[in-house]
PDB file of all heavy atoms in Angstrom:
ATOM      1  N   ALA A   1      -0.913  -1.989 -14.717  1.00  0.00           N
ATOM      2  CA  ALA A   1      -1.879  -2.984 -15.304  1.00  0.00           C
ATOM      3  C   ALA A   1      -3.286  -2.499 -15.109  1.00  0.00           C
ATOM      4  O   ALA A   1      -3.565  -1.689 -14.230  1.00  0.00           O
ATOM      5  CB  ALA A   1      -1.703  -4.324 -14.471  1.00  0.00           C
ATOM      6  N   ASN A   2      -4.095  -2.912 -15.988  1.00  0.00           N
ATOM      7  CA  ASN A   2      -5.546  -2.585 -15.871  1.00  0.00           C
ATOM      8  C   ASN A   2      -6.222  -3.537 -15.012  1.00  0.00           C
ATOM      9  O   ASN A   2      -5.991  -4.784 -15.017  1.00  0.00           O
ATOM     10  CB  ASN A   2      -6.128  -2.641 -17.273  1.00  0.00           C
ATOM     11  CG  ASN A   2      -5.558  -1.660 -18.281  1.00  0.00           C
ATOM     12  OD1 ASN A   2      -5.263  -0.474 -17.888  1.00  0.00           O
ATOM     13  ND2 ASN A   2      -5.359  -2.036 -19.519  1.00  0.00           N
ATOM     14  N   LEU A   3      -7.173  -2.967 -14.243  1.00  0.00           N
ATOM     15  CA  LEU A   3      -8.056  -3.757 -13.408  1.00  0.00           C
ATOM     16  C   LEU A   3      -9.309  -3.982 -14.212  1.00  0.00           C
ATOM     17  O   LEU A   3      -9.976  -2.997 -14.574  1.00  0.00           O
ATOM     18  CB  LEU A   3      -8.345  -3.191 -12.005  1.00  0.00           C
ATOM     19  CG  LEU A   3      -7.041  -2.946 -11.139  1.00  0.00           C
ATOM     20  CD1 LEU A   3      -7.487  -2.161  -9.829  1.00  0.00           C
ATOM     21  CD2 LEU A   3      -6.380  -4.200 -10.709  1.00  0.00           C
ATOM     22  N   THR A   4      -9.759  -5.126 -14.481  1.00  0.00           N
ATOM     23  CA  THR A   4     -10.952  -5.349 -15.238  1.00  0.00           C
ATOM     24  C   THR A   4     -11.957  -6.216 -14.463  1.00  0.00           C
ATOM     25  O   THR A   4     -11.590  -6.926 -13.574  1.00  0.00           O
ATOM     26  CB  THR A   4     -10.590  -6.085 -16.565  1.00  0.00           C
ATOM     27  OG1 THR A   4     -10.041  -7.298 -16.270  1.00  0.00           O
ATOM     28  CG2 THR A   4      -9.695  -5.244 -17.421  1.00  0.00           C
ATOM     29  N   ASN A   5     -13.231  -6.065 -14.847  1.00  0.00           N
ATOM     30  CA  ASN A   5     -14.312  -6.810 -14.278  1.00  0.00           C
ATOM     31  C   ASN A   5     -14.366  -6.723 -12.784  1.00  0.00           C
ATOM     32  O   ASN A   5     -14.375  -7.664 -12.051  1.00  0.00           O
ATOM     33  CB  ASN A   5     -14.209  -8.260 -14.676  1.00  0.00           C
ATOM     34  CG  ASN A   5     -15.597  -9.058 -14.537  1.00  0.00           C
ATOM     35  OD1 ASN A   5     -16.515  -8.383 -14.467  1.00  0.00           O
ATOM     36  ND2 ASN A   5     -15.510 -10.387 -14.371  1.00  0.00           N
ATOM     37  N   VAL A   6     -14.255  -5.396 -12.278  1.00  0.00           N
ATOM     38  CA  VAL A   6     -14.187  -5.242 -10.894  1.00  0.00           C
ATOM     39  C   VAL A   6     -15.624  -4.945 -10.420  1.00  0.00           C
ATOM     40  O   VAL A   6     -16.384  -4.081 -10.969  1.00  0.00           O
ATOM     41  CB  VAL A   6     -13.335  -3.988 -10.574  1.00  0.00           C
ATOM     42  CG1 VAL A   6     -13.312  -3.608  -9.042  1.00  0.00           C
ATOM     43  CG2 VAL A   6     -11.888  -4.242 -11.039  1.00  0.00           C
ATOM     44  N   GLY A   7     -16.032  -5.537  -9.292  1.00  0.00           N
ATOM     45  CA  GLY A   7     -17.314  -5.270  -8.730  1.00  0.00           C
ATOM     46  C   GLY A   7     -17.341  -3.912  -8.027  1.00  0.00           C
ATOM     47  O   GLY A   7     -17.341  -2.877  -8.650  1.00  0.00           O
ATOM     48  N   SER A   8     -17.263  -3.944  -6.752  1.00  0.00           N
ATOM     49  CA  SER A   8     -17.194  -2.616  -6.041  1.00  0.00           C
ATOM     50  C   SER A   8     -15.889  -2.504  -5.382  1.00  0.00           C
ATOM     51  O   SER A   8     -15.245  -3.478  -4.963  1.00  0.00           O
ATOM     52  CB  SER A   8     -18.379  -2.555  -5.041  1.00  0.00           C
ATOM     53  OG  SER A   8     -18.256  -3.569  -4.071  1.00  0.00           O
ATOM     54  N   ILE A   9     -15.486  -1.232  -5.249  1.00  0.00           N
ATOM     55  CA  ILE A   9     -14.158  -0.939  -4.534  1.00  0.00           C
ATOM     56  C   ILE A   9     -14.455   0.055  -3.518  1.00  0.00           C
ATOM     57  O   ILE A   9     -15.225   1.067  -3.722  1.00  0.00           O
ATOM     58  CB  ILE A   9     -13.174  -0.343  -5.559  1.00  0.00           C
ATOM     59  CG1 ILE A   9     -12.819  -1.381  -6.665  1.00  0.00           C
ATOM     60  CG2 ILE A   9     -11.849   0.063  -4.872  1.00  0.00           C
ATOM     61  CD1 ILE A   9     -11.892  -0.791  -7.729  1.00  0.00           C
ATOM     62  N   GLN A  10     -13.939  -0.075  -2.327  1.00  0.00           N
ATOM     63  CA  GLN A  10     -14.086   0.825  -1.194  1.00  0.00           C
ATOM     64  C   GLN A  10     -12.759   1.595  -1.071  1.00  0.00           C
ATOM     65  O   GLN A  10     -11.718   0.894  -0.832  1.00  0.00           O
ATOM     66  CB  GLN A  10     -14.533   0.167   0.056  1.00  0.00           C
ATOM     67  CG  GLN A  10     -15.904  -0.456   0.003  1.00  0.00           C
ATOM     68  CD  GLN A  10     -16.292  -1.099   1.290  1.00  0.00           C
ATOM     69  OE1 GLN A  10     -15.575  -1.143   2.239  1.00  0.00           O
ATOM     70  NE2 GLN A  10     -17.550  -1.549   1.369  1.00  0.00           N
ATOM     71  N   LEU A  11     -12.775   2.887  -1.214  1.00  0.00           N
ATOM     72  CA  LEU A  11     -11.537   3.701  -1.194  1.00  0.00           C
ATOM     73  C   LEU A  11     -11.776   4.797  -0.237  1.00  0.00           C
ATOM     74  O   LEU A  11     -12.820   5.372  -0.018  1.00  0.00           O
ATOM     75  CB  LEU A  11     -11.244   4.252  -2.600  1.00  0.00           C
ATOM     76  CG  LEU A  11     -11.039   3.262  -3.735  1.00  0.00           C
ATOM     77  CD1 LEU A  11     -10.930   3.988  -5.053  1.00  0.00           C
ATOM     78  CD2 LEU A  11      -9.631   2.460  -3.470  1.00  0.00           C
ATOM     79  N   ASP A  12     -10.603   5.237   0.310  1.00  0.00           N
ATOM     80  CA  ASP A  12     -10.632   6.527   1.099  1.00  0.00           C
ATOM     81  C   ASP A  12     -10.294   7.651   0.152  1.00  0.00           C
ATOM     82  O   ASP A  12     -10.882   8.696   0.321  1.00  0.00           O
ATOM     83  CB  ASP A  12      -9.653   6.393   2.245  1.00  0.00           C
ATOM     84  CG  ASP A  12     -10.027   5.441   3.338  1.00  0.00           C
ATOM     85  OD1 ASP A  12     -11.206   5.216   3.555  1.00  0.00           O
ATOM     86  OD2 ASP A  12      -9.122   4.869   3.939  1.00  0.00           O
ATOM     87  N   SER A  13      -9.352   7.497  -0.721  1.00  0.00           N
ATOM     88  CA  SER A  13      -8.920   8.477  -1.642  1.00  0.00           C
ATOM     89  C   SER A  13      -8.257   7.887  -2.878  1.00  0.00           C
ATOM     90  O   SER A  13      -7.795   6.789  -2.875  1.00  0.00           O
ATOM     91  CB  SER A  13      -8.135   9.573  -1.033  1.00  0.00           C
ATOM     92  OG  SER A  13      -7.312   9.121   0.004  1.00  0.00           O
ATOM     93  N   ILE A  14      -8.230   8.763  -3.930  1.00  0.00           N
ATOM     94  CA  ILE A  14      -7.570   8.411  -5.137  1.00  0.00           C
ATOM     95  C   ILE A  14      -6.545   9.547  -5.392  1.00  0.00           C
ATOM     96  O   ILE A  14      -6.951  10.716  -5.379  1.00  0.00           O
ATOM     97  CB  ILE A  14      -8.465   8.222  -6.362  1.00  0.00           C
ATOM     98  CG1 ILE A  14      -9.597   7.221  -6.087  1.00  0.00           C
ATOM     99  CG2 ILE A  14      -7.783   8.005  -7.621  1.00  0.00           C
ATOM    100  CD1 ILE A  14     -10.724   7.230  -7.119  1.00  0.00           C
ATOM    101  N   PHE A  15      -5.370   9.195  -5.778  1.00  0.00           N
ATOM    102  CA  PHE A  15      -4.326  10.146  -6.153  1.00  0.00           C
ATOM    103  C   PHE A  15      -3.830   9.998  -7.490  1.00  0.00           C
ATOM    104  O   PHE A  15      -3.844   8.833  -7.974  1.00  0.00           O
ATOM    105  CB  PHE A  15      -3.123  10.121  -5.153  1.00  0.00           C
ATOM    106  CG  PHE A  15      -3.397  10.617  -3.741  1.00  0.00           C
ATOM    107  CD1 PHE A  15      -3.874   9.700  -2.824  1.00  0.00           C
ATOM    108  CD2 PHE A  15      -3.235  11.983  -3.425  1.00  0.00           C
ATOM    109  CE1 PHE A  15      -4.134  10.158  -1.523  1.00  0.00           C
ATOM    110  CE2 PHE A  15      -3.544  12.400  -2.167  1.00  0.00           C
ATOM    111  CZ  PHE A  15      -3.988  11.520  -1.231  1.00  0.00           C
ATOM    112  N   GLY A  16      -3.370  11.022  -8.209  1.00  0.00           N
ATOM    113  CA  GLY A  16      -2.918  10.940  -9.579  1.00  0.00           C
ATOM    114  C   GLY A  16      -1.638  10.172  -9.575  1.00  0.00           C
ATOM    115  O   GLY A  16      -0.790  10.210  -8.634  1.00  0.00           O
ATOM    116  N   ASP A  17      -1.390   9.500 -10.595  1.00  0.00           N
ATOM    117  CA  ASP A  17      -0.129   8.691 -10.735  1.00  0.00           C
ATOM    118  C   ASP A  17       1.100   9.735 -10.846  1.00  0.00           C
ATOM    119  O   ASP A  17       1.152  10.440 -11.807  1.00  0.00           O
ATOM    120  CB  ASP A  17      -0.213   7.900 -11.992  1.00  0.00           C
ATOM    121  CG  ASP A  17       0.901   6.917 -12.186  1.00  0.00           C
ATOM    122  OD1 ASP A  17       1.657   6.686 -11.206  1.00  0.00           O
ATOM    123  OD2 ASP A  17       1.201   6.411 -13.312  1.00  0.00           O
ATOM    124  N   GLY A  18       1.927   9.800  -9.906  1.00  0.00           N
ATOM    125  CA  GLY A  18       3.001  10.744  -9.903  1.00  0.00           C
ATOM    126  C   GLY A  18       2.594  12.162  -9.560  1.00  0.00           C
ATOM    127  O   GLY A  18       3.406  13.074  -9.703  1.00  0.00           O
ATOM    128  N   ASP A  19       1.415  12.388  -9.039  1.00  0.00           N
ATOM    129  CA  ASP A  19       0.932  13.696  -8.722  1.00  0.00           C
ATOM    130  C   ASP A  19       0.166  13.621  -7.462  1.00  0.00           C
ATOM    131  O   ASP A  19      -1.009  13.532  -7.410  1.00  0.00           O
ATOM    132  CB  ASP A  19       0.100  14.300  -9.811  1.00  0.00           C
ATOM    133  CG  ASP A  19      -0.341  15.686  -9.593  1.00  0.00           C
ATOM    134  OD1 ASP A  19       0.042  16.285  -8.566  1.00  0.00           O
ATOM    135  OD2 ASP A  19      -1.088  16.215 -10.344  1.00  0.00           O
ATOM    136  N   ALA A  20       0.859  13.631  -6.342  1.00  0.00           N
ATOM    137  CA  ALA A  20       0.188  13.599  -4.963  1.00  0.00           C
ATOM    138  C   ALA A  20      -0.661  14.815  -4.623  1.00  0.00           C
ATOM    139  O   ALA A  20      -1.359  14.847  -3.696  1.00  0.00           O
ATOM    140  CB  ALA A  20       1.201  13.301  -3.900  1.00  0.00           C
ATOM    141  N   ASN A  21      -0.558  15.855  -5.409  1.00  0.00           N
ATOM    142  CA  ASN A  21      -1.256  17.168  -5.190  1.00  0.00           C
ATOM    143  C   ASN A  21      -2.708  17.079  -5.821  1.00  0.00           C
ATOM    144  O   ASN A  21      -3.414  18.042  -5.605  1.00  0.00           O
ATOM    145  CB  ASN A  21      -0.504  18.349  -5.739  1.00  0.00           C
ATOM    146  CG  ASN A  21       0.651  18.670  -4.910  1.00  0.00           C
ATOM    147  OD1 ASN A  21       0.759  18.460  -3.708  1.00  0.00           O
ATOM    148  ND2 ASN A  21       1.774  19.131  -5.592  1.00  0.00           N
ATOM    149  N   THR A  22      -2.966  16.054  -6.599  1.00  0.00           N
ATOM    150  CA  THR A  22      -4.277  15.925  -7.137  1.00  0.00           C
ATOM    151  C   THR A  22      -4.970  14.689  -6.643  1.00  0.00           C
ATOM    152  O   THR A  22      -4.427  13.561  -6.730  1.00  0.00           O
ATOM    153  CB  THR A  22      -4.135  15.831  -8.720  1.00  0.00           C
ATOM    154  OG1 THR A  22      -3.396  16.980  -9.231  1.00  0.00           O
ATOM    155  CG2 THR A  22      -5.493  15.725  -9.415  1.00  0.00           C
ATOM    156  N   SER A  23      -6.156  14.824  -6.083  1.00  0.00           N
ATOM    157  CA  SER A  23      -6.801  13.666  -5.449  1.00  0.00           C
ATOM    158  C   SER A  23      -8.266  13.857  -5.440  1.00  0.00           C
ATOM    159  O   SER A  23      -8.903  14.869  -5.564  1.00  0.00           O
ATOM    160  CB  SER A  23      -6.265  13.502  -4.081  1.00  0.00           C
ATOM    161  OG  SER A  23      -6.663  14.646  -3.255  1.00  0.00           O
ATOM    162  N   ILE A  24      -8.960  12.731  -5.196  1.00  0.00           N
ATOM    163  CA  ILE A  24     -10.394  12.657  -4.933  1.00  0.00           C
ATOM    164  C   ILE A  24     -10.430  11.891  -3.581  1.00  0.00           C
ATOM    165  O   ILE A  24      -9.961  10.743  -3.458  1.00  0.00           O
ATOM    166  CB  ILE A  24     -11.143  11.883  -5.980  1.00  0.00           C
ATOM    167  CG1 ILE A  24     -10.965  12.582  -7.379  1.00  0.00           C
ATOM    168  CG2 ILE A  24     -12.687  11.782  -5.609  1.00  0.00           C
ATOM    169  CD1 ILE A  24     -11.616  11.726  -8.548  1.00  0.00           C
ATOM    170  N   THR A  25     -11.108  12.567  -2.515  1.00  0.00           N
ATOM    171  CA  THR A  25     -11.154  11.973  -1.311  1.00  0.00           C
ATOM    172  C   THR A  25     -12.626  11.754  -0.928  1.00  0.00           C
ATOM    173  O   THR A  25     -13.448  12.611  -1.120  1.00  0.00           O
ATOM    174  CB  THR A  25     -10.540  12.812  -0.241  1.00  0.00           C
ATOM    175  OG1 THR A  25      -9.178  13.075  -0.603  1.00  0.00           O
ATOM    176  CG2 THR A  25     -10.494  12.206   1.191  1.00  0.00           C
ATOM    177  N   PHE A  26     -12.948  10.550  -0.324  1.00  0.00           N
ATOM    178  CA  PHE A  26     -14.284  10.152   0.094  1.00  0.00           C
ATOM    179  C   PHE A  26     -14.293  10.238   1.645  1.00  0.00           C
ATOM    180  O   PHE A  26     -13.598   9.360   2.299  1.00  0.00           O
ATOM    181  CB  PHE A  26     -14.649   8.788  -0.416  1.00  0.00           C
ATOM    182  CG  PHE A  26     -14.504   8.691  -1.930  1.00  0.00           C
ATOM    183  CD1 PHE A  26     -13.350   8.215  -2.482  1.00  0.00           C
ATOM    184  CD2 PHE A  26     -15.509   9.029  -2.779  1.00  0.00           C
ATOM    185  CE1 PHE A  26     -13.114   8.073  -3.804  1.00  0.00           C
ATOM    186  CE2 PHE A  26     -15.378   8.885  -4.151  1.00  0.00           C
ATOM    187  CZ  PHE A  26     -14.151   8.407  -4.679  1.00  0.00           C
ATOM    188  N   SER A  27     -15.005  11.163   2.173  1.00  0.00           N
ATOM    189  CA  SER A  27     -15.002  11.248   3.681  1.00  0.00           C
ATOM    190  C   SER A  27     -16.053  10.242   4.353  1.00  0.00           C
ATOM    191  O   SER A  27     -16.916   9.716   3.586  1.00  0.00           O
ATOM    192  CB  SER A  27     -15.347  12.637   4.121  1.00  0.00           C
ATOM    193  OG  SER A  27     -16.693  12.897   3.987  1.00  0.00           O
ATOM    194  N   GLY A  28     -16.001  10.152   5.574  1.00  0.00           N
ATOM    195  CA  GLY A  28     -17.018   9.282   6.321  1.00  0.00           C
ATOM    196  C   GLY A  28     -18.328  10.015   6.446  1.00  0.00           C
ATOM    197  O   GLY A  28     -19.232   9.518   6.976  1.00  0.00           O
TER     198      GLY A  28
END
């Protein structure tokens, strides 16, 4: 499903759908 009208999101990392070898990680 699409997430719409989102304010801010705090994430540690983002992984590709079905591809755990591709990611964007935000460190502290």
